[in-house]
Amino acid sequence: MNKLVLQAEVVHTEPLRYTPAGIPLLSVVLRHASEQTEAGMKRKVECEVNAVTLGDLALQGLTIGSRIRVSGFLARRSLKSTQLVMHINHIENI
C-alpha cells in the first residue's frame, strides 16, 4: 500500500501550469512539524515535502501559509529521478 496523510503548512507554490494533455498541475512545498513516538520515546519531527496536485484540486488556489491536511501517494518525480514527490488526492483546510 502507498498512502500518505500529512498535516502541514504550504510554504511555497509554483505558478499553475498545464500538462501536455491540458490538465491543471500545481506544485507546492509543504512543511510538517509534530511530535511522534518512536521506540517508546518522544521525537520531534520536522520536514518539507514536495507535492503536486492535478485537475480540479490544482485550481483550489492553495496559498502560502495555508494550514491543510492532505492525503495521497508517493511517486518518483520522473522516470529518471529517484526523488520522491507526494501526489495529493484530497485536501482539507484546518
PDB file of N, CA and C in Angstrom:
ATOM      1  N   MET A   1       0.845  -1.180   0.000  1.00  0.00           N
ATOM      2  CA  MET A   1       0.000   0.000   0.000  1.00  0.00           C
ATOM      3  C   MET A   1       0.885   1.235   0.000  1.00  0.00           C
ATOM      4  N   ASN A   2       0.478   2.257  -0.712  1.00  0.00           N
ATOM      5  CA  ASN A   2       1.212   3.505  -0.818  1.00  0.00           C
ATOM      6  C   ASN A   2       0.232   4.631  -0.526  1.00  0.00           C
ATOM      7  N   LYS A   3       0.140   5.035   0.750  1.00  0.00           N
ATOM      8  CA  LYS A   3      -0.769   6.105   1.146  1.00  0.00           C
ATOM      9  C   LYS A   3      -0.074   6.973   2.179  1.00  0.00           C
ATOM     10  N   LEU A   4      -0.199   8.279   2.016  1.00  0.00           N
ATOM     11  CA  LEU A   4       0.411   9.233   2.929  1.00  0.00           C
ATOM     12  C   LEU A   4      -0.637  10.255   3.330  1.00  0.00           C
ATOM     13  N   VAL A   5      -0.756  10.496   4.641  1.00  0.00           N
ATOM     14  CA  VAL A   5      -1.630  11.541   5.172  1.00  0.00           C
ATOM     15  C   VAL A   5      -0.733  12.483   5.955  1.00  0.00           C
ATOM     16  N   LEU A   6      -0.858  13.777   5.698  1.00  0.00           N
ATOM     17  CA  LEU A   6       0.058  14.746   6.283  1.00  0.00           C
ATOM     18  C   LEU A   6      -0.691  16.019   6.634  1.00  0.00           C
ATOM     19  N   GLN A   7      -0.445  16.515   7.839  1.00  0.00           N
ATOM     20  CA  GLN A   7      -0.953  17.820   8.240  1.00  0.00           C
ATOM     21  C   GLN A   7       0.221  18.779   8.107  1.00  0.00           C
ATOM     22  N   ALA A   8       0.036  19.869   7.352  1.00  0.00           N
ATOM     23  CA  ALA A   8       1.182  20.713   7.024  1.00  0.00           C
ATOM     24  C   ALA A   8       0.748  22.135   6.701  1.00  0.00           C
ATOM     25  N   GLU A   9       1.767  22.976   6.506  1.00  0.00           N
ATOM     26  CA  GLU A   9       1.574  24.353   6.080  1.00  0.00           C
ATOM     27  C   GLU A   9       2.182  24.503   4.689  1.00  0.00           C
ATOM     28  N   VAL A  10       1.492  25.202   3.815  1.00  0.00           N
ATOM     29  CA  VAL A  10       2.026  25.475   2.478  1.00  0.00           C
ATOM     30  C   VAL A  10       3.086  26.571   2.625  1.00  0.00           C
ATOM     31  N   VAL A  11       4.334  26.269   2.223  1.00  0.00           N
ATOM     32  CA  VAL A  11       5.416  27.254   2.351  1.00  0.00           C
ATOM     33  C   VAL A  11       5.916  27.765   1.005  1.00  0.00           C
ATOM     34  N   HIS A  12       5.522  27.116  -0.080  1.00  0.00           N
ATOM     35  CA  HIS A  12       5.924  27.577  -1.416  1.00  0.00           C
ATOM     36  C   HIS A  12       4.941  27.037  -2.440  1.00  0.00           C
ATOM     37  N   THR A  13       4.574  27.859  -3.402  1.00  0.00           N
ATOM     38  CA  THR A  13       3.761  27.408  -4.537  1.00  0.00           C
ATOM     39  C   THR A  13       4.412  27.900  -5.818  1.00  0.00           C
ATOM     40  N   GLU A  14       4.362  27.080  -6.828  1.00  0.00           N
ATOM     41  CA  GLU A  14       4.835  27.483  -8.148  1.00  0.00           C
ATOM     42  C   GLU A  14       3.624  27.933  -8.955  1.00  0.00           C
ATOM     43  N   PRO A  15       3.840  28.682 -10.016  1.00  0.00           N
ATOM     44  CA  PRO A  15       2.707  29.092 -10.859  1.00  0.00           C
ATOM     45  C   PRO A  15       1.961  27.864 -11.410  1.00  0.00           C
ATOM     46  N   LEU A  16       0.657  27.993 -11.513  1.00  0.00           N
ATOM     47  CA  LEU A  16      -0.161  26.937 -12.098  1.00  0.00           C
ATOM     48  C   LEU A  16       0.300  26.687 -13.529  1.00  0.00           C
ATOM     49  N   ARG A  17       0.427  25.423 -13.876  1.00  0.00           N
ATOM     50  CA  ARG A  17       0.787  25.073 -15.252  1.00  0.00           C
ATOM     51  C   ARG A  17      -0.127  23.950 -15.721  1.00  0.00           C
ATOM     52  N   TYR A  18       0.052  23.530 -16.941  1.00  0.00           N
ATOM     53  CA  TYR A  18      -0.816  22.513 -17.527  1.00  0.00           C
ATOM     54  C   TYR A  18       0.027  21.396 -18.127  1.00  0.00           C
ATOM     55  N   THR A  19      -0.435  20.158 -17.982  1.00  0.00           N
ATOM     56  CA  THR A  19       0.242  19.015 -18.586  1.00  0.00           C
ATOM     57  C   THR A  19       0.033  19.074 -20.096  1.00  0.00           C
ATOM     58  N   PRO A  20       0.795  18.289 -20.873  1.00  0.00           N
ATOM     59  CA  PRO A  20       0.559  18.252 -22.329  1.00  0.00           C
ATOM     60  C   PRO A  20      -0.878  17.863 -22.684  1.00  0.00           C
ATOM     61  N   ALA A  21      -1.563  17.153 -21.780  1.00  0.00           N
ATOM     62  CA  ALA A  21      -2.958  16.771 -22.019  1.00  0.00           C
ATOM     63  C   ALA A  21      -3.935  17.868 -21.611  1.00  0.00           C
ATOM     64  N   GLY A  22      -3.403  19.013 -21.124  1.00  0.00           N
ATOM     65  CA  GLY A  22      -4.269  20.127 -20.748  1.00  0.00           C
ATOM     66  C   GLY A  22      -4.815  20.064 -19.332  1.00  0.00           C
ATOM     67  N   ILE A  23      -4.266  19.213 -18.480  1.00  0.00           N
ATOM     68  CA  ILE A  23      -4.724  19.067 -17.095  1.00  0.00           C
ATOM     69  C   ILE A  23      -3.970  20.055 -16.213  1.00  0.00           C
ATOM     70  N   PRO A  24      -4.693  20.843 -15.385  1.00  0.00           N
ATOM     71  CA  PRO A  24      -4.012  21.777 -14.490  1.00  0.00           C
ATOM     72  C   PRO A  24      -3.126  21.033 -13.495  1.00  0.00           C
ATOM     73  N   LEU A  25      -1.942  21.599 -13.205  1.00  0.00           N
ATOM     74  CA  LEU A  25      -0.995  20.988 -12.278  1.00  0.00           C
ATOM     75  C   LEU A  25      -0.400  22.086 -11.408  1.00  0.00           C
ATOM     76  N   LEU A  26      -0.436  21.886 -10.096  1.00  0.00           N
ATOM     77  CA  LEU A  26       0.139  22.842  -9.159  1.00  0.00           C
ATOM     78  C   LEU A  26       1.176  22.133  -8.301  1.00  0.00           C
ATOM     79  N   SER A  27       2.395  22.673  -8.285  1.00  0.00           N
ATOM     80  CA  SER A  27       3.465  22.141  -7.441  1.00  0.00           C
ATOM     81  C   SER A  27       3.582  23.011  -6.199  1.00  0.00           C
ATOM     82  N   VAL A  28       3.697  22.382  -5.028  1.00  0.00           N
ATOM     83  CA  VAL A  28       3.805  23.093  -3.761  1.00  0.00           C
ATOM     84  C   VAL A  28       4.862  22.425  -2.889  1.00  0.00           C
ATOM     85  N   VAL A  29       5.301  23.154  -1.867  1.00  0.00           N
ATOM     86  CA  VAL A  29       6.152  22.583  -0.827  1.00  0.00           C
ATOM     87  C   VAL A  29       5.382  22.692   0.480  1.00  0.00           C
ATOM     88  N   LEU A  30       5.287  21.577   1.195  1.00  0.00           N
ATOM     89  CA  LEU A  30       4.568  21.508   2.460  1.00  0.00           C
ATOM     90  C   LEU A  30       5.555  21.344   3.606  1.00  0.00           C
ATOM     91  N   ARG A  31       5.338  22.073   4.704  1.00  0.00           N
ATOM     92  CA  ARG A  31       6.179  21.936   5.896  1.00  0.00           C
ATOM     93  C   ARG A  31       5.345  21.291   7.009  1.00  0.00           C
ATOM     94  N   HIS A  32       5.892  20.213   7.558  1.00  0.00           N
ATOM     95  CA  HIS A  32       5.232  19.481   8.638  1.00  0.00           C
ATOM     96  C   HIS A  32       6.089  19.551   9.891  1.00  0.00           C
ATOM     97  N   ALA A  33       5.440  19.707  11.055  1.00  0.00           N
ATOM     98  CA  ALA A  33       6.126  19.657  12.339  1.00  0.00           C
ATOM     99  C   ALA A  33       5.196  18.972  13.336  1.00  0.00           C
ATOM    100  N   SER A  34       5.728  17.991  14.056  1.00  0.00           N
ATOM    101  CA  SER A  34       4.927  17.284  15.051  1.00  0.00           C
ATOM    102  C   SER A  34       5.844  16.573  16.031  1.00  0.00           C
ATOM    103  N   GLU A  35       5.226  15.934  17.014  1.00  0.00           N
ATOM    104  CA  GLU A  35       5.953  15.084  17.947  1.00  0.00           C
ATOM    105  C   GLU A  35       5.418  13.671  17.784  1.00  0.00           C
ATOM    106  N   GLN A  36       6.309  12.731  17.555  1.00  0.00           N
ATOM    107  CA  GLN A  36       5.939  11.340  17.317  1.00  0.00           C
ATOM    108  C   GLN A  36       6.592  10.449  18.369  1.00  0.00           C
ATOM    109  N   THR A  37       6.018   9.271  18.562  1.00  0.00           N
ATOM    110  CA  THR A  37       6.603   8.292  19.465  1.00  0.00           C
ATOM    111  C   THR A  37       7.311   7.238  18.634  1.00  0.00           C
ATOM    112  N   GLU A  38       8.577   7.011  18.955  1.00  0.00           N
ATOM    113  CA  GLU A  38       9.374   6.010  18.259  1.00  0.00           C
ATOM    114  C   GLU A  38      10.145   5.213  19.303  1.00  0.00           C
ATOM    115  N   ALA A  39       9.997   3.894  19.295  1.00  0.00           N
ATOM    116  CA  ALA A  39      10.664   3.015  20.255  1.00  0.00           C
ATOM    117  C   ALA A  39      10.389   3.455  21.684  1.00  0.00           C
ATOM    118  N   GLY A  40       9.142   3.911  21.934  1.00  0.00           N
ATOM    119  CA  GLY A  40       8.732   4.301  23.273  1.00  0.00           C
ATOM    120  C   GLY A  40       9.214   5.676  23.710  1.00  0.00           C
ATOM    121  N   MET A  41       9.859   6.413  22.827  1.00  0.00           N
ATOM    122  CA  MET A  41      10.381   7.734  23.182  1.00  0.00           C
ATOM    123  C   MET A  41       9.785   8.802  22.271  1.00  0.00           C
ATOM    124  N   LYS A  42       9.617  10.002  22.811  1.00  0.00           N
ATOM    125  CA  LYS A  42       9.095  11.124  22.028  1.00  0.00           C
ATOM    126  C   LYS A  42      10.193  11.651  21.111  1.00  0.00           C
ATOM    127  N   ARG A  43       9.789  12.017  19.911  1.00  0.00           N
ATOM    128  CA  ARG A  43      10.730  12.536  18.935  1.00  0.00           C
ATOM    129  C   ARG A  43      10.077  13.697  18.191  1.00  0.00           C
ATOM    130  N   LYS A  44      10.788  14.818  18.107  1.00  0.00           N
ATOM    131  CA  LYS A  44      10.301  15.964  17.358  1.00  0.00           C
ATOM    132  C   LYS A  44      10.604  15.733  15.883  1.00  0.00           C
ATOM    133  N   VAL A  45       9.592  15.905  15.044  1.00  0.00           N
ATOM    134  CA  VAL A  45       9.738  15.645  13.614  1.00  0.00           C
ATOM    135  C   VAL A  45       9.418  16.920  12.843  1.00  0.00           C
ATOM    136  N   GLU A  46      10.327  17.298  11.962  1.00  0.00           N
ATOM    137  CA  GLU A  46      10.106  18.429  11.063  1.00  0.00           C
ATOM    138  C   GLU A  46      10.601  18.034   9.683  1.00  0.00           C
ATOM    139  N   CYS A  47       9.827  18.362   8.647  1.00  0.00           N
ATOM    140  CA  CYS A  47      10.260  18.049   7.291  1.00  0.00           C
ATOM    141  C   CYS A  47       9.521  18.935   6.296  1.00  0.00           C
ATOM    142  N   GLU A  48      10.103  19.041   5.117  1.00  0.00           N
ATOM    143  CA  GLU A  48       9.445  19.692   3.996  1.00  0.00           C
ATOM    144  C   GLU A  48       9.257  18.652   2.909  1.00  0.00           C
ATOM    145  N   VAL A  49       8.070  18.641   2.314  1.00  0.00           N
ATOM    146  CA  VAL A  49       7.709  17.642   1.316  1.00  0.00           C
ATOM    147  C   VAL A  49       7.289  18.350   0.034  1.00  0.00           C
ATOM    148  N   ASN A  50       7.905  17.970  -1.078  1.00  0.00           N
ATOM    149  CA  ASN A  50       7.460  18.448  -2.384  1.00  0.00           C
ATOM    150  C   ASN A  50       6.193  17.696  -2.752  1.00  0.00           C
ATOM    151  N   ALA A  51       5.202  18.425  -3.264  1.00  0.00           N
ATOM    152  CA  ALA A  51       3.927  17.795  -3.601  1.00  0.00           C
ATOM    153  C   ALA A  51       3.357  18.397  -4.875  1.00  0.00           C
ATOM    154  N   VAL A  52       2.513  17.629  -5.539  1.00  0.00           N
ATOM    155  CA  VAL A  52       1.793  18.110  -6.715  1.00  0.00           C
ATOM    156  C   VAL A  52       0.330  17.725  -6.581  1.00  0.00           C
ATOM    157  N   THR A  53      -0.501  18.546  -7.170  1.00  0.00           N
ATOM    158  CA  THR A  53      -1.921  18.242  -7.242  1.00  0.00           C
ATOM    159  C   THR A  53      -2.382  18.556  -8.661  1.00  0.00           C
ATOM    160  N   LEU A  54      -3.254  17.704  -9.183  1.00  0.00           N
ATOM    161  CA  LEU A  54      -3.694  17.826 -10.571  1.00  0.00           C
ATOM    162  C   LEU A  54      -5.205  17.984 -10.655  1.00  0.00           C
ATOM    163  N   GLY A  55      -5.662  18.475 -11.788  1.00  0.00           N
ATOM    164  CA  GLY A  55      -7.090  18.583 -12.057  1.00  0.00           C
ATOM    165  C   GLY A  55      -7.750  19.667 -11.220  1.00  0.00           C
ATOM    166  N   ASP A  56      -8.987  19.400 -10.793  1.00  0.00           N
ATOM    167  CA  ASP A  56      -9.768  20.380 -10.035  1.00  0.00           C
ATOM    168  C   ASP A  56      -9.072  20.790  -8.738  1.00  0.00           C
ATOM    169  N   LEU A  57      -8.342  19.862  -8.094  1.00  0.00           N
ATOM    170  CA  LEU A  57      -7.643  20.206  -6.856  1.00  0.00           C
ATOM    171  C   LEU A  57      -6.581  21.269  -7.095  1.00  0.00           C
ATOM    172  N   ALA A  58      -5.963  21.260  -8.259  1.00  0.00           N
ATOM    173  CA  ALA A  58      -4.936  22.253  -8.575  1.00  0.00           C
ATOM    174  C   ALA A  58      -5.538  23.650  -8.702  1.00  0.00           C
ATOM    175  N   LEU A  59      -6.828  23.730  -8.967  1.00  0.00           N
ATOM    176  CA  LEU A  59      -7.499  25.016  -9.153  1.00  0.00           C
ATOM    177  C   LEU A  59      -8.058  25.579  -7.855  1.00  0.00           C
ATOM    178  N   GLN A  60      -7.886  24.871  -6.729  1.00  0.00           N
ATOM    179  CA  GLN A  60      -8.427  25.330  -5.442  1.00  0.00           C
ATOM    180  C   GLN A  60      -7.705  26.546  -4.894  1.00  0.00           C
ATOM    181  N   GLY A  61      -6.582  26.884  -5.457  1.00  0.00           N
ATOM    182  CA  GLY A  61      -5.886  28.092  -5.047  1.00  0.00           C
ATOM    183  C   GLY A  61      -5.190  27.977  -3.709  1.00  0.00           C
ATOM    184  N   LEU A  62      -4.347  26.965  -3.533  1.00  0.00           N
ATOM    185  CA  LEU A  62      -3.564  26.863  -2.308  1.00  0.00           C
ATOM    186  C   LEU A  62      -2.645  28.076  -2.206  1.00  0.00           C
ATOM    187  N   THR A  63      -2.605  28.683  -1.037  1.00  0.00           N
ATOM    188  CA  THR A  63      -1.783  29.871  -0.853  1.00  0.00           C
ATOM    189  C   THR A  63      -0.765  29.635   0.259  1.00  0.00           C
ATOM    190  N   ILE A  64       0.330  30.361   0.177  1.00  0.00           N
ATOM    191  CA  ILE A  64       1.373  30.257   1.194  1.00  0.00           C
ATOM    192  C   ILE A  64       0.773  30.610   2.551  1.00  0.00           C
ATOM    193  N   GLY A  65       1.080  29.794   3.543  1.00  0.00           N
ATOM    194  CA  GLY A  65       0.559  29.990   4.897  1.00  0.00           C
ATOM    195  C   GLY A  65      -0.679  29.170   5.196  1.00  0.00           C
ATOM    196  N   SER A  66      -1.305  28.582   4.180  1.00  0.00           N
ATOM    197  CA  SER A  66      -2.487  27.746   4.403  1.00  0.00           C
ATOM    198  C   SER A  66      -2.118  26.530   5.237  1.00  0.00           C
ATOM    199  N   ARG A  67      -2.943  26.209   6.243  1.00  0.00           N
ATOM    200  CA  ARG A  67      -2.767  25.001   7.046  1.00  0.00           C
ATOM    201  C   ARG A  67      -3.750  23.972   6.495  1.00  0.00           C
ATOM    202  N   ILE A  68      -3.223  22.828   6.059  1.00  0.00           N
ATOM    203  CA  ILE A  68      -4.057  21.833   5.402  1.00  0.00           C
ATOM    204  C   ILE A  68      -3.729  20.426   5.884  1.00  0.00           C
ATOM    205  N   ARG A  69      -4.663  19.526   5.672  1.00  0.00           N
ATOM    206  CA  ARG A  69      -4.438  18.086   5.844  1.00  0.00           C
ATOM    207  C   ARG A  69      -4.637  17.482   4.463  1.00  0.00           C
ATOM    208  N   VAL A  70      -3.626  16.785   3.996  1.00  0.00           N
ATOM    209  CA  VAL A  70      -3.674  16.209   2.654  1.00  0.00           C
ATOM    210  C   VAL A  70      -3.492  14.706   2.727  1.00  0.00           C
ATOM    211  N   SER A  71      -4.037  14.029   1.737  1.00  0.00           N
ATOM    212  CA  SER A  71      -3.776  12.595   1.598  1.00  0.00           C
ATOM    213  C   SER A  71      -3.481  12.323   0.135  1.00  0.00           C
ATOM    214  N   GLY A  72      -2.665  11.315  -0.079  1.00  0.00           N
ATOM    215  CA  GLY A  72      -2.274  10.963  -1.426  1.00  0.00           C
ATOM    216  C   GLY A  72      -1.271   9.831  -1.416  1.00  0.00           C
ATOM    217  N   PHE A  73      -0.361   9.850  -2.386  1.00  0.00           N
ATOM    218  CA  PHE A  73       0.615   8.767  -2.501  1.00  0.00           C
ATOM    219  C   PHE A  73       1.962   9.338  -2.919  1.00  0.00           C
ATOM    220  N   LEU A  74       3.010   8.544  -2.747  1.00  0.00           N
ATOM    221  CA  LEU A  74       4.361   8.936  -3.130  1.00  0.00           C
ATOM    222  C   LEU A  74       4.730   8.311  -4.466  1.00  0.00           C
ATOM    223  N   ALA A  75       5.430   9.083  -5.289  1.00  0.00           N
ATOM    224  CA  ALA A  75       5.926   8.580  -6.571  1.00  0.00           C
ATOM    225  C   ALA A  75       7.219   9.320  -6.903  1.00  0.00           C
ATOM    226  N   ARG A  76       7.998   8.743  -7.805  1.00  0.00           N
ATOM    227  CA  ARG A  76       9.208   9.427  -8.263  1.00  0.00           C
ATOM    228  C   ARG A  76       8.827  10.669  -9.055  1.00  0.00           C
ATOM    229  N   ARG A  77       9.676  11.686  -8.973  1.00  0.00           N
ATOM    230  CA  ARG A  77       9.420  12.938  -9.702  1.00  0.00           C
ATOM    231  C   ARG A  77       9.308  12.685 -11.200  1.00  0.00           C
ATOM    232  N   SER A  78      10.140  11.790 -11.727  1.00  0.00           N
ATOM    233  CA  SER A  78      10.109  11.433 -13.144  1.00  0.00           C
ATOM    234  C   SER A  78      10.697  10.040 -13.302  1.00  0.00           C
ATOM    235  N   LEU A  79      10.642   9.517 -14.508  1.00  0.00           N
ATOM    236  CA  LEU A  79      11.167   8.173 -14.746  1.00  0.00           C
ATOM    237  C   LEU A  79      12.654   8.054 -14.438  1.00  0.00           C
ATOM    238  N   LYS A  80      13.396   9.137 -14.644  1.00  0.00           N
ATOM    239  CA  LYS A  80      14.843   9.090 -14.446  1.00  0.00           C
ATOM    240  C   LYS A  80      15.286   9.612 -13.084  1.00  0.00           C
ATOM    241  N   SER A  81      14.348  10.007 -12.233  1.00  0.00           N
ATOM    242  CA  SER A  81      14.676  10.590 -10.930  1.00  0.00           C
ATOM    243  C   SER A  81      14.382   9.600  -9.810  1.00  0.00           C
ATOM    244  N   THR A  82      15.141   9.712  -8.734  1.00  0.00           N
ATOM    245  CA  THR A  82      14.845   8.912  -7.535  1.00  0.00           C
ATOM    246  C   THR A  82      14.199   9.771  -6.454  1.00  0.00           C
ATOM    247  N   GLN A  83      14.060  11.069  -6.692  1.00  0.00           N
ATOM    248  CA  GLN A  83      13.444  11.970  -5.726  1.00  0.00           C
ATOM    249  C   GLN A  83      11.945  11.688  -5.643  1.00  0.00           C
ATOM    250  N   LEU A  84      11.433  11.617  -4.403  1.00  0.00           N
ATOM    251  CA  LEU A  84      10.015  11.348  -4.194  1.00  0.00           C
ATOM    252  C   LEU A  84       9.212  12.633  -4.140  1.00  0.00           C
ATOM    253  N   VAL A  85       7.981  12.569  -4.644  1.00  0.00           N
ATOM    254  CA  VAL A  85       7.033  13.678  -4.616  1.00  0.00           C
ATOM    255  C   VAL A  85       5.697  13.117  -4.163  1.00  0.00           C
ATOM    256  N   MET A  86       5.016  13.850  -3.294  1.00  0.00           N
ATOM    257  CA  MET A  86       3.674  13.453  -2.877  1.00  0.00           C
ATOM    258  C   MET A  86       2.678  13.915  -3.936  1.00  0.00           C
ATOM    259  N   HIS A  87       1.819  13.005  -4.374  1.00  0.00           N
ATOM    260  CA  HIS A  87       0.722  13.337  -5.279  1.00  0.00           C
ATOM    261  C   HIS A  87      -0.534  13.429  -4.425  1.00  0.00           C
ATOM    262  N   ILE A  88      -1.098  14.621  -4.339  1.00  0.00           N
ATOM    263  CA  ILE A  88      -2.235  14.882  -3.450  1.00  0.00           C
ATOM    264  C   ILE A  88      -3.541  14.508  -4.135  1.00  0.00           C
ATOM    265  N   ASN A  89      -4.347  13.689  -3.433  1.00  0.00           N
ATOM    266  CA  ASN A  89      -5.673  13.304  -3.927  1.00  0.00           C
ATOM    267  C   ASN A  89      -6.807  13.992  -3.176  1.00  0.00           C
ATOM    268  N   HIS A  90      -6.508  14.476  -1.962  1.00  0.00           N
ATOM    269  CA  HIS A  90      -7.548  15.092  -1.120  1.00  0.00           C
ATOM    270  C   HIS A  90      -6.922  16.205  -0.297  1.00  0.00           C
ATOM    271  N   ILE A  91      -7.632  17.346  -0.206  1.00  0.00           N
ATOM    272  CA  ILE A  91      -7.159  18.487   0.579  1.00  0.00           C
ATOM    273  C   ILE A  91      -8.280  18.915   1.520  1.00  0.00           C
ATOM    274  N   GLU A  92      -7.898  19.132   2.782  1.00  0.00           N
ATOM    275  CA  GLU A  92      -8.846  19.613   3.786  1.00  0.00           C
ATOM    276  C   GLU A  92      -8.197  20.784   4.494  1.00  0.00           C
ATOM    277  N   ASN A  93      -8.884  21.926   4.537  1.00  0.00           N
ATOM    278  CA  ASN A  93      -8.375  23.085   5.283  1.00  0.00           C
ATOM    279  C   ASN A  93      -8.567  22.853   6.774  1.00  0.00           C
ATOM    280  N   ILE A  94      -7.550  23.222   7.557  1.00  0.00           N
ATOM    281  CA  ILE A  94      -7.676  23.050   9.017  1.00  0.00           C
ATOM    282  C   ILE A  94      -7.407  24.379   9.736  1.00  0.00           C
TER     283      ILE A  94
END
